[in-house]
Amino acid sequence: MNGFLGEYEATLDPKGRFLLPAAIKKQIGEEGSNHFVINRGFEKCLSLYPVANWDPIFSEISKLNDFDPKVRAFRRYFLNGATKMELDSAGRLLVPPNLKEHAGLEKDIVLVSAVNKIEIWDKIKYQQFFETFSPESFSDLADDVMNPKGNKPIS
């Protein structure tokens, strides 16, 4: 798998489960699995990793120096709430209550591709995120990220 593309809407049922969209399953592919890790995202969202994408990240985090207080703080925040899960027989995933609360997920959610993971956002919060971001701001951000320190742009 090279990464995820797309944006998909889903609905949480009263138990906190959602149906993983077929388009995402297709991108995981046959070689992928039904096993995932879900954890807090960097913003008020959740990150859903196929286990194959989570394992290298966890391996790198495991190698960090435990004597460094920044490492310990990062590990606590990043791994706090991380939960292994698998699709049920109906193709649904259950969002743990503590993570559901963290991201403010109610009913309508958006699953957003983020290279090696899927971000899970409350639909209204996701829409608000884009409403506050102008095309000019996006252009400036793209320039900062893709053309750091005035390097020649990618073409």
N, C-alpha and C. Protein backbone atom coordinates (compact mmCIF):
# COMPACT_ATOMS: atom_id res chain seq x y z
N MET A 1 0.83 -1.18 0.00
CA MET A 1 0.00 0.00 0.00
C MET A 1 0.88 1.25 0.00
N ASN A 2 0.58 2.18 -0.87
CA ASN A 2 1.34 3.41 -0.97
C ASN A 2 0.82 4.52 -0.09
N GLY A 3 -0.38 4.44 0.34
CA GLY A 3 -1.00 5.48 1.15
C GLY A 3 -2.46 5.62 0.79
N PHE A 4 -3.14 6.42 1.58
CA PHE A 4 -4.58 6.60 1.41
C PHE A 4 -4.89 7.88 0.65
N LEU A 5 -5.98 7.85 -0.08
CA LEU A 5 -6.52 9.03 -0.75
C LEU A 5 -8.02 9.06 -0.50
N GLY A 6 -8.57 10.26 -0.38
CA GLY A 6 -10.01 10.40 -0.30
C GLY A 6 -10.51 10.91 1.03
N GLU A 7 -11.80 11.21 1.00
CA GLU A 7 -12.51 11.75 2.15
C GLU A 7 -13.89 11.11 2.13
N TYR A 8 -14.29 10.52 3.25
CA TYR A 8 -15.51 9.73 3.28
C TYR A 8 -16.33 10.07 4.53
N GLU A 9 -17.63 10.16 4.35
CA GLU A 9 -18.51 10.41 5.47
C GLU A 9 -19.02 9.07 6.00
N ALA A 10 -19.24 9.03 7.31
CA ALA A 10 -19.78 7.84 7.96
C ALA A 10 -20.61 8.30 9.15
N THR A 11 -21.29 7.35 9.75
CA THR A 11 -22.15 7.66 10.89
C THR A 11 -21.83 6.71 12.03
N LEU A 12 -21.70 7.27 13.22
CA LEU A 12 -21.54 6.44 14.41
C LEU A 12 -22.91 5.96 14.85
N ASP A 13 -23.02 4.67 15.16
CA ASP A 13 -24.27 4.16 15.70
C ASP A 13 -24.30 4.45 17.20
N PRO A 14 -25.40 4.16 17.88
CA PRO A 14 -25.49 4.47 19.32
C PRO A 14 -24.40 3.81 20.19
N LYS A 15 -23.80 2.72 19.69
CA LYS A 15 -22.73 2.05 20.45
C LYS A 15 -21.35 2.61 20.13
N GLY A 16 -21.27 3.56 19.19
CA GLY A 16 -19.99 4.16 18.82
C GLY A 16 -19.27 3.43 17.71
N ARG A 17 -20.00 2.64 16.92
CA ARG A 17 -19.39 1.91 15.81
C ARG A 17 -19.66 2.63 14.50
N PHE A 18 -18.77 2.45 13.54
CA PHE A 18 -19.00 2.97 12.20
C PHE A 18 -18.53 1.95 11.18
N LEU A 19 -19.17 1.99 10.03
CA LEU A 19 -18.83 1.09 8.94
C LEU A 19 -17.63 1.66 8.20
N LEU A 20 -16.57 0.89 8.11
CA LEU A 20 -15.39 1.33 7.37
C LEU A 20 -15.74 1.34 5.88
N PRO A 21 -15.63 2.50 5.22
CA PRO A 21 -16.03 2.58 3.81
C PRO A 21 -15.27 1.58 2.92
N ALA A 22 -15.99 1.04 1.95
CA ALA A 22 -15.40 0.06 1.04
C ALA A 22 -14.20 0.63 0.30
N ALA A 23 -14.23 1.93 -0.02
CA ALA A 23 -13.11 2.54 -0.74
C ALA A 23 -11.83 2.52 0.11
N ILE A 24 -11.97 2.64 1.42
CA ILE A 24 -10.79 2.55 2.30
C ILE A 24 -10.31 1.10 2.37
N LYS A 25 -11.24 0.17 2.52
CA LYS A 25 -10.86 -1.26 2.55
C LYS A 25 -10.10 -1.64 1.29
N LYS A 26 -10.58 -1.11 0.16
CA LYS A 26 -9.94 -1.42 -1.12
C LYS A 26 -8.51 -0.88 -1.15
N GLN A 27 -8.29 0.30 -0.57
CA GLN A 27 -6.94 0.88 -0.55
C GLN A 27 -6.00 0.09 0.36
N ILE A 28 -6.55 -0.50 1.41
CA ILE A 28 -5.73 -1.35 2.29
C ILE A 28 -5.30 -2.58 1.52
N GLY A 29 -6.20 -3.10 0.69
CA GLY A 29 -5.89 -4.22 -0.18
C GLY A 29 -6.00 -5.56 0.50
N GLU A 30 -5.86 -6.56 -0.32
CA GLU A 30 -5.94 -7.94 0.16
C GLU A 30 -4.80 -8.28 1.11
N GLU A 31 -3.62 -7.69 0.85
CA GLU A 31 -2.47 -7.99 1.71
C GLU A 31 -2.59 -7.30 3.07
N GLY A 32 -3.50 -6.31 3.15
CA GLY A 32 -3.74 -5.63 4.43
C GLY A 32 -4.50 -6.55 5.36
N SER A 33 -4.88 -6.03 6.47
CA SER A 33 -5.62 -6.85 7.41
C SER A 33 -6.82 -6.10 7.92
N ASN A 34 -7.55 -6.75 8.77
CA ASN A 34 -8.69 -6.14 9.43
C ASN A 34 -8.30 -5.60 10.80
N HIS A 35 -7.00 -5.51 11.06
CA HIS A 35 -6.51 -5.06 12.36
C HIS A 35 -5.96 -3.64 12.26
N PHE A 36 -6.32 -2.83 13.24
CA PHE A 36 -5.97 -1.42 13.25
C PHE A 36 -5.53 -0.99 14.64
N VAL A 37 -4.91 0.20 14.69
CA VAL A 37 -4.66 0.89 15.96
C VAL A 37 -5.28 2.27 15.79
N ILE A 38 -6.05 2.66 16.81
CA ILE A 38 -6.66 3.98 16.81
C ILE A 38 -6.08 4.75 17.99
N ASN A 39 -5.79 6.02 17.78
CA ASN A 39 -5.29 6.85 18.88
C ASN A 39 -5.64 8.31 18.63
N ARG A 40 -5.24 9.15 19.57
CA ARG A 40 -5.50 10.58 19.44
C ARG A 40 -4.67 11.16 18.31
N GLY A 41 -5.27 12.07 17.56
CA GLY A 41 -4.54 12.77 16.51
C GLY A 41 -3.87 14.00 17.10
N PHE A 42 -3.15 14.71 16.27
CA PHE A 42 -2.47 15.93 16.73
C PHE A 42 -3.47 17.07 16.95
N GLU A 43 -4.55 17.08 16.20
CA GLU A 43 -5.61 18.03 16.42
C GLU A 43 -6.73 17.29 17.15
N LYS A 44 -7.90 17.90 17.24
CA LYS A 44 -9.04 17.25 17.91
C LYS A 44 -9.69 16.25 16.96
N CYS A 45 -8.93 15.24 16.61
CA CYS A 45 -9.40 14.16 15.76
C CYS A 45 -8.74 12.87 16.24
N LEU A 46 -9.07 11.78 15.60
CA LEU A 46 -8.44 10.50 15.91
C LEU A 46 -7.64 10.04 14.70
N SER A 47 -6.64 9.21 14.94
CA SER A 47 -5.85 8.63 13.87
C SER A 47 -6.07 7.13 13.87
N LEU A 48 -6.39 6.60 12.70
CA LEU A 48 -6.63 5.17 12.52
C LEU A 48 -5.55 4.62 11.60
N TYR A 49 -4.74 3.72 12.13
CA TYR A 49 -3.63 3.14 11.37
C TYR A 49 -3.89 1.66 11.12
N PRO A 50 -3.74 1.18 9.89
CA PRO A 50 -3.65 -0.27 9.73
C PRO A 50 -2.42 -0.73 10.53
N VAL A 51 -2.49 -1.90 11.12
CA VAL A 51 -1.39 -2.36 11.97
C VAL A 51 -0.05 -2.33 11.22
N ALA A 52 -0.07 -2.65 9.94
CA ALA A 52 1.17 -2.64 9.15
C ALA A 52 1.80 -1.25 9.09
N ASN A 53 0.99 -0.20 9.19
CA ASN A 53 1.52 1.16 9.18
C ASN A 53 1.87 1.64 10.59
N TRP A 54 1.20 1.09 11.59
CA TRP A 54 1.45 1.46 12.98
C TRP A 54 2.76 0.87 13.49
N ASP A 55 3.04 -0.38 13.15
CA ASP A 55 4.21 -1.09 13.72
C ASP A 55 5.53 -0.34 13.53
N PRO A 56 5.85 0.20 12.34
CA PRO A 56 7.12 0.94 12.20
C PRO A 56 7.16 2.21 13.06
N ILE A 57 6.03 2.87 13.22
CA ILE A 57 5.98 4.07 14.06
C ILE A 57 6.24 3.69 15.51
N PHE A 58 5.56 2.65 15.95
CA PHE A 58 5.74 2.20 17.33
C PHE A 58 7.19 1.76 17.57
N SER A 59 7.77 1.12 16.59
CA SER A 59 9.16 0.68 16.70
C SER A 59 10.10 1.88 16.88
N GLU A 60 9.88 2.93 16.11
CA GLU A 60 10.71 4.15 16.23
C GLU A 60 10.52 4.81 17.59
N ILE A 61 9.27 4.88 18.05
CA ILE A 61 8.99 5.49 19.36
C ILE A 61 9.66 4.67 20.47
N SER A 62 9.69 3.36 20.30
CA SER A 62 10.30 2.48 21.30
C SER A 62 11.80 2.70 21.43
N LYS A 63 12.43 3.21 20.37
CA LYS A 63 13.88 3.42 20.37
C LYS A 63 14.29 4.75 21.00
N LEU A 64 13.33 5.63 21.26
CA LEU A 64 13.66 6.95 21.80
C LEU A 64 14.19 6.84 23.23
N ASN A 65 14.99 7.83 23.62
CA ASN A 65 15.68 7.84 24.91
C ASN A 65 14.68 8.13 26.05
N ASP A 66 14.44 7.13 26.87
CA ASP A 66 13.48 7.26 27.98
C ASP A 66 13.98 8.21 29.07
N PHE A 67 15.24 8.59 29.04
CA PHE A 67 15.78 9.52 30.04
C PHE A 67 15.50 10.98 29.68
N ASP A 68 15.00 11.21 28.47
CA ASP A 68 14.67 12.55 28.02
C ASP A 68 13.23 12.87 28.40
N PRO A 69 12.99 13.91 29.21
CA PRO A 69 11.62 14.22 29.62
C PRO A 69 10.68 14.56 28.45
N LYS A 70 11.22 15.12 27.38
CA LYS A 70 10.38 15.41 26.20
C LYS A 70 9.91 14.11 25.55
N VAL A 71 10.78 13.12 25.53
CA VAL A 71 10.42 11.81 24.97
C VAL A 71 9.29 11.20 25.80
N ARG A 72 9.45 11.23 27.12
CA ARG A 72 8.41 10.65 27.98
C ARG A 72 7.08 11.38 27.80
N ALA A 73 7.11 12.70 27.71
CA ALA A 73 5.89 13.47 27.52
C ALA A 73 5.25 13.14 26.16
N PHE A 74 6.07 13.07 25.12
CA PHE A 74 5.56 12.73 23.80
C PHE A 74 4.93 11.34 23.80
N ARG A 75 5.63 10.37 24.37
CA ARG A 75 5.09 9.01 24.41
C ARG A 75 3.74 8.98 25.13
N ARG A 76 3.68 9.66 26.27
CA ARG A 76 2.43 9.65 27.03
C ARG A 76 1.28 10.21 26.19
N TYR A 77 1.51 11.33 25.57
CA TYR A 77 0.44 11.95 24.80
C TYR A 77 0.10 11.12 23.56
N PHE A 78 1.11 10.71 22.82
CA PHE A 78 0.88 10.01 21.56
C PHE A 78 0.29 8.62 21.77
N LEU A 79 0.76 7.92 22.78
CA LEU A 79 0.30 6.55 22.99
C LEU A 79 -0.91 6.46 23.92
N ASN A 80 -1.22 7.57 24.60
CA ASN A 80 -2.34 7.58 25.53
C ASN A 80 -3.63 7.26 24.78
N GLY A 81 -4.25 6.18 25.15
CA GLY A 81 -5.50 5.79 24.51
C GLY A 81 -5.34 4.93 23.28
N ALA A 82 -4.12 4.76 22.79
CA ALA A 82 -3.93 3.93 21.60
C ALA A 82 -4.50 2.54 21.87
N THR A 83 -5.32 2.08 20.94
CA THR A 83 -6.06 0.84 21.14
C THR A 83 -6.01 0.00 19.88
N LYS A 84 -5.67 -1.29 20.05
CA LYS A 84 -5.74 -2.21 18.92
C LYS A 84 -7.20 -2.62 18.75
N MET A 85 -7.60 -2.75 17.49
CA MET A 85 -8.98 -3.12 17.20
C MET A 85 -9.03 -3.88 15.89
N GLU A 86 -10.16 -4.54 15.66
CA GLU A 86 -10.35 -5.20 14.38
C GLU A 86 -11.79 -5.03 13.93
N LEU A 87 -11.96 -5.14 12.62
CA LEU A 87 -13.30 -5.04 12.05
C LEU A 87 -14.16 -6.17 12.59
N ASP A 88 -15.41 -5.86 12.91
CA ASP A 88 -16.32 -6.92 13.31
C ASP A 88 -16.85 -7.61 12.05
N SER A 89 -17.70 -8.60 12.21
CA SER A 89 -18.19 -9.38 11.08
C SER A 89 -19.00 -8.54 10.09
N ALA A 90 -19.50 -7.39 10.53
CA ALA A 90 -20.25 -6.50 9.64
C ALA A 90 -19.37 -5.42 9.02
N GLY A 91 -18.05 -5.44 9.29
CA GLY A 91 -17.14 -4.45 8.72
C GLY A 91 -17.11 -3.14 9.47
N ARG A 92 -17.48 -3.18 10.78
CA ARG A 92 -17.52 -1.97 11.59
C ARG A 92 -16.35 -1.94 12.57
N LEU A 93 -15.99 -0.71 12.96
CA LEU A 93 -15.00 -0.48 14.01
C LEU A 93 -15.68 0.25 15.16
N LEU A 94 -15.31 -0.11 16.37
CA LEU A 94 -15.85 0.51 17.57
C LEU A 94 -14.86 1.54 18.08
N VAL A 95 -15.31 2.80 18.19
CA VAL A 95 -14.46 3.86 18.73
C VAL A 95 -14.54 3.80 20.25
N PRO A 96 -13.41 3.62 20.93
CA PRO A 96 -13.43 3.59 22.39
C PRO A 96 -14.02 4.90 22.95
N PRO A 97 -14.82 4.81 24.01
CA PRO A 97 -15.49 6.00 24.55
C PRO A 97 -14.55 7.15 24.89
N ASN A 98 -13.36 6.86 25.47
CA ASN A 98 -12.44 7.94 25.81
C ASN A 98 -11.92 8.66 24.57
N LEU A 99 -11.71 7.95 23.49
CA LEU A 99 -11.24 8.59 22.25
C LEU A 99 -12.39 9.32 21.55
N LYS A 100 -13.56 8.74 21.62
CA LYS A 100 -14.75 9.40 21.07
C LYS A 100 -14.95 10.75 21.75
N GLU A 101 -14.79 10.77 23.05
CA GLU A 101 -14.94 12.02 23.81
C GLU A 101 -13.83 13.01 23.45
N HIS A 102 -12.59 12.53 23.36
CA HIS A 102 -11.45 13.40 23.02
C HIS A 102 -11.70 14.16 21.72
N ALA A 103 -12.20 13.47 20.69
CA ALA A 103 -12.38 14.09 19.38
C ALA A 103 -13.76 14.76 19.26
N GLY A 104 -14.58 14.63 20.28
CA GLY A 104 -15.90 15.25 20.23
C GLY A 104 -16.79 14.63 19.17
N LEU A 105 -16.66 13.32 18.98
CA LEU A 105 -17.46 12.64 17.96
C LEU A 105 -18.86 12.39 18.50
N GLU A 106 -19.85 12.81 17.71
CA GLU A 106 -21.24 12.62 18.11
C GLU A 106 -21.87 11.54 17.23
N LYS A 107 -22.24 11.92 16.02
CA LYS A 107 -22.91 10.99 15.12
C LYS A 107 -22.28 10.99 13.74
N ASP A 108 -22.25 12.16 13.11
CA ASP A 108 -21.72 12.27 11.75
C ASP A 108 -20.22 12.52 11.81
N ILE A 109 -19.46 11.67 11.12
CA ILE A 109 -18.00 11.77 11.11
C ILE A 109 -17.49 11.83 9.68
N VAL A 110 -16.24 12.26 9.55
CA VAL A 110 -15.57 12.28 8.26
C VAL A 110 -14.26 11.52 8.43
N LEU A 111 -14.00 10.59 7.51
CA LEU A 111 -12.76 9.83 7.48
C LEU A 111 -11.90 10.45 6.39
N VAL A 112 -10.74 10.96 6.78
CA VAL A 112 -9.89 11.73 5.88
C VAL A 112 -8.54 11.04 5.72
N SER A 113 -8.14 10.82 4.47
CA SER A 113 -6.84 10.20 4.26
C SER A 113 -5.72 11.15 4.65
N ALA A 114 -4.73 10.58 5.29
CA ALA A 114 -3.57 11.35 5.75
C ALA A 114 -2.31 10.49 5.54
N VAL A 115 -2.01 10.20 4.31
CA VAL A 115 -0.87 9.40 3.84
C VAL A 115 -0.96 7.97 4.37
N ASN A 116 -0.41 7.69 5.56
CA ASN A 116 -0.33 6.32 6.06
C ASN A 116 -1.41 5.99 7.08
N LYS A 117 -2.32 6.92 7.30
CA LYS A 117 -3.38 6.73 8.29
C LYS A 117 -4.64 7.41 7.81
N ILE A 118 -5.71 7.18 8.55
CA ILE A 118 -6.99 7.84 8.30
C ILE A 118 -7.29 8.69 9.53
N GLU A 119 -7.58 9.97 9.33
CA GLU A 119 -8.01 10.82 10.43
C GLU A 119 -9.53 10.72 10.53
N ILE A 120 -10.02 10.68 11.76
CA ILE A 120 -11.46 10.62 12.01
C ILE A 120 -11.85 11.91 12.71
N TRP A 121 -12.71 12.68 12.06
CA TRP A 121 -13.14 13.99 12.55
C TRP A 121 -14.65 14.00 12.76
N ASP A 122 -15.10 14.77 13.73
CA ASP A 122 -16.50 15.14 13.81
C ASP A 122 -16.78 15.99 12.57
N LYS A 123 -17.88 15.72 11.88
CA LYS A 123 -18.16 16.39 10.61
C LYS A 123 -18.21 17.91 10.75
N ILE A 124 -18.84 18.41 11.79
CA ILE A 124 -18.96 19.87 11.96
C ILE A 124 -17.59 20.48 12.24
N LYS A 125 -16.79 19.85 13.10
CA LYS A 125 -15.45 20.37 13.40
C LYS A 125 -14.57 20.38 12.14
N TYR A 126 -14.71 19.34 11.33
CA TYR A 126 -13.93 19.26 10.09
C TYR A 126 -14.31 20.39 9.14
N GLN A 127 -15.61 20.65 9.01
CA GLN A 127 -16.07 21.74 8.15
C GLN A 127 -15.57 23.08 8.68
N GLN A 128 -15.61 23.27 10.00
CA GLN A 128 -15.14 24.51 10.60
C GLN A 128 -13.65 24.72 10.35
N PHE A 129 -12.89 23.65 10.39
CA PHE A 129 -11.45 23.72 10.13
C PHE A 129 -11.19 24.36 8.77
N PHE A 130 -11.94 23.93 7.74
CA PHE A 130 -11.73 24.45 6.40
C PHE A 130 -12.33 25.83 6.21
N GLU A 131 -13.37 26.15 6.95
CA GLU A 131 -13.98 27.47 6.83
C GLU A 131 -13.05 28.57 7.33
N THR A 132 -12.16 28.23 8.24
CA THR A 132 -11.26 29.23 8.81
C THR A 132 -9.93 29.31 8.06
N PHE A 133 -9.80 28.58 6.98
CA PHE A 133 -8.55 28.51 6.25
C PHE A 133 -8.77 29.05 4.84
N SER A 134 -8.20 30.20 4.54
CA SER A 134 -8.40 30.83 3.23
C SER A 134 -7.48 30.21 2.17
N PRO A 135 -7.82 30.39 0.89
CA PRO A 135 -6.93 29.91 -0.17
C PRO A 135 -5.53 30.54 -0.06
N GLU A 136 -5.47 31.80 0.37
CA GLU A 136 -4.17 32.46 0.51
C GLU A 136 -3.36 31.81 1.64
N SER A 137 -4.03 31.49 2.74
CA SER A 137 -3.35 30.82 3.86
C SER A 137 -2.83 29.46 3.42
N PHE A 138 -3.65 28.75 2.64
CA PHE A 138 -3.22 27.45 2.14
C PHE A 138 -2.02 27.58 1.22
N SER A 139 -2.04 28.58 0.36
CA SER A 139 -0.92 28.82 -0.55
C SER A 139 0.36 29.12 0.23
N ASP A 140 0.25 29.96 1.25
CA ASP A 140 1.42 30.29 2.08
C ASP A 140 1.94 29.05 2.80
N LEU A 141 1.02 28.26 3.34
CA LEU A 141 1.42 27.03 4.03
C LEU A 141 2.12 26.07 3.07
N ALA A 142 1.56 25.90 1.89
CA ALA A 142 2.17 25.03 0.89
C ALA A 142 3.58 25.49 0.55
N ASP A 143 3.76 26.79 0.40
CA ASP A 143 5.08 27.33 0.10
C ASP A 143 6.06 27.05 1.24
N ASP A 144 5.62 27.26 2.48
CA ASP A 144 6.48 27.01 3.65
C ASP A 144 6.88 25.54 3.76
N VAL A 145 5.92 24.66 3.51
CA VAL A 145 6.17 23.23 3.69
C VAL A 145 6.92 22.64 2.51
N MET A 146 6.52 22.99 1.30
CA MET A 146 7.10 22.36 0.11
C MET A 146 8.32 23.10 -0.44
N ASN A 147 8.55 24.32 0.02
CA ASN A 147 9.66 25.12 -0.48
C ASN A 147 10.39 25.76 0.70
N PRO A 148 10.86 24.95 1.64
CA PRO A 148 11.50 25.53 2.84
C PRO A 148 12.80 26.25 2.49
N LYS A 149 13.01 27.36 3.18
CA LYS A 149 14.24 28.14 3.05
C LYS A 149 14.54 28.56 1.61
N GLY A 150 13.46 28.78 0.83
CA GLY A 150 13.65 29.28 -0.53
C GLY A 150 14.25 28.30 -1.50
N ASN A 151 14.19 27.00 -1.19
CA ASN A 151 14.70 26.00 -2.14
C ASN A 151 13.87 26.01 -3.42
N LYS A 152 14.43 25.45 -4.46
CA LYS A 152 13.72 25.38 -5.74
C LYS A 152 12.45 24.55 -5.55
N PRO A 153 11.32 25.06 -6.02
CA PRO A 153 10.06 24.34 -5.86
C PRO A 153 10.04 23.01 -6.61
N ILE A 154 9.21 22.11 -6.10
CA ILE A 154 9.03 20.81 -6.75
C ILE A 154 8.14 21.02 -7.97
N SER A 155 8.49 20.40 -9.09
CA SER A 155 7.62 20.52 -10.28
C SER A 155 7.43 19.18 -10.94
